[in-house]
Amino acid sequence: MRVAEIFDMSHLYKKELPKLKLFFYQLDRLIAMKLPQLHQHFKDEQINSGIFASAWFITQFTNSLQIQDKKFKKNSSKDVAGGSAGSS
């Protein structure tokens, strides 16, 4: 199964970015639960996860697309090679 499908990342960049905003909220909550002092520091400095995590989420999304593209190309070349060998 593709990473983008597992994490439903295809909806990440739809109009108004609802999935991306959800990921930021979830990350903020995880930081609050697991690293309360860091969460408080971010809060004091008015830093939310969107400031530092947006590039990370974009990277994860594009990397998953690149991996899938490589797998698709690899499988397509096998199909073409297999089809050519079978017809000879």
Protein backbone atom coordinates (compact mmCIF):
# COMPACT_ATOMS: atom_id res chain seq x y z
CA MET A 1 0.00 0.00 0.00
CA ARG A 2 1.23 3.48 -0.80
CA VAL A 3 2.34 5.86 1.94
CA ALA A 4 0.12 8.59 0.52
CA GLU A 5 -2.87 6.24 0.79
CA ILE A 6 -2.00 4.97 4.27
CA PHE A 7 -1.93 8.49 5.69
CA ASP A 8 -4.59 9.81 3.28
CA MET A 9 -2.07 12.38 2.09
CA SER A 10 -3.82 12.93 -1.23
CA HIS A 11 -6.13 15.31 0.64
CA LEU A 12 -3.25 17.23 2.16
CA TYR A 13 -3.36 20.14 -0.25
CA LYS A 14 -7.03 20.48 -1.12
CA LYS A 15 -8.68 23.89 -0.96
CA GLU A 16 -8.22 25.47 2.49
CA LEU A 17 -5.81 22.66 3.47
CA PRO A 18 -8.07 20.79 5.93
CA LYS A 19 -5.87 17.68 6.18
CA LEU A 20 -2.69 19.71 6.60
CA LYS A 21 -4.33 21.75 9.36
CA LEU A 22 -5.42 18.51 11.04
CA PHE A 23 -1.83 17.19 10.92
CA PHE A 24 -0.57 20.45 12.48
CA TYR A 25 -3.18 20.18 15.25
CA GLN A 26 -2.26 16.53 15.89
CA LEU A 27 1.44 17.40 16.04
CA ASP A 28 0.73 20.26 18.45
CA ARG A 29 -1.24 17.89 20.68
CA LEU A 30 1.51 15.25 20.59
CA ILE A 31 4.10 17.84 21.57
CA ALA A 32 1.85 19.02 24.40
CA MET A 33 1.40 15.46 25.68
CA LYS A 34 4.95 14.16 25.26
CA LEU A 35 7.03 17.33 25.64
CA PRO A 36 5.05 19.72 27.85
CA GLN A 37 7.97 22.09 28.51
CA LEU A 38 8.66 22.46 24.80
CA HIS A 39 4.95 22.96 24.19
CA GLN A 40 4.87 25.73 26.79
CA HIS A 41 7.93 27.36 25.25
CA PHE A 42 6.30 27.26 21.80
CA LYS A 43 3.14 28.73 23.31
CA ASP A 44 5.10 31.52 25.05
CA GLU A 45 6.85 32.35 21.78
CA GLN A 46 3.60 32.01 19.77
CA ILE A 47 5.00 29.19 17.64
CA ASN A 48 2.66 26.58 16.22
CA SER A 49 3.73 23.44 14.40
CA GLY A 50 2.77 24.91 11.03
CA ILE A 51 5.77 27.22 11.26
CA PHE A 52 8.33 24.41 11.41
CA ALA A 53 6.46 21.33 10.18
CA SER A 54 4.94 22.44 6.88
CA ALA A 55 8.14 21.74 4.94
CA TRP A 56 8.42 18.34 6.61
CA PHE A 57 4.87 17.36 5.63
CA ILE A 58 5.49 18.56 2.07
CA THR A 59 8.69 16.50 1.96
CA GLN A 60 6.91 13.38 3.20
CA PHE A 61 4.17 13.83 0.61
CA THR A 62 6.52 14.43 -2.33
CA ASN A 63 8.87 11.63 -1.26
CA SER A 64 5.97 9.19 -1.15
CA LEU A 65 5.01 10.28 -4.67
CA GLN A 66 8.58 9.81 -5.91
CA ILE A 67 8.78 6.33 -4.40
CA GLN A 68 5.51 5.38 -6.04
CA ASP A 69 6.67 6.82 -9.37
CA LYS A 70 9.87 4.73 -9.21
CA LYS A 71 7.89 1.58 -8.36
CA PHE A 72 5.45 2.30 -11.20
CA LYS A 73 8.28 2.80 -13.70
CA LYS A 74 10.03 -0.36 -12.49
CA ASN A 75 6.84 -2.43 -12.76
CA SER A 76 6.02 -0.93 -16.14
CA SER A 77 9.45 -1.81 -17.52
CA LYS A 78 9.04 -5.38 -16.21
CA ASP A 79 5.66 -5.63 -17.94
CA VAL A 80 7.12 -4.37 -21.21
CA ALA A 81 10.14 -6.65 -20.93
CA GLY A 82 7.93 -9.59 -20.00
CA GLY A 83 5.58 -8.88 -22.87
CA SER A 84 8.44 -8.63 -25.36
CA ALA A 85 10.03 -11.86 -24.18
CA GLY A 86 6.73 -13.71 -24.34
CA SER A 87 6.01 -12.64 -27.91
CA SER A 88 9.45 -13.69 -29.30
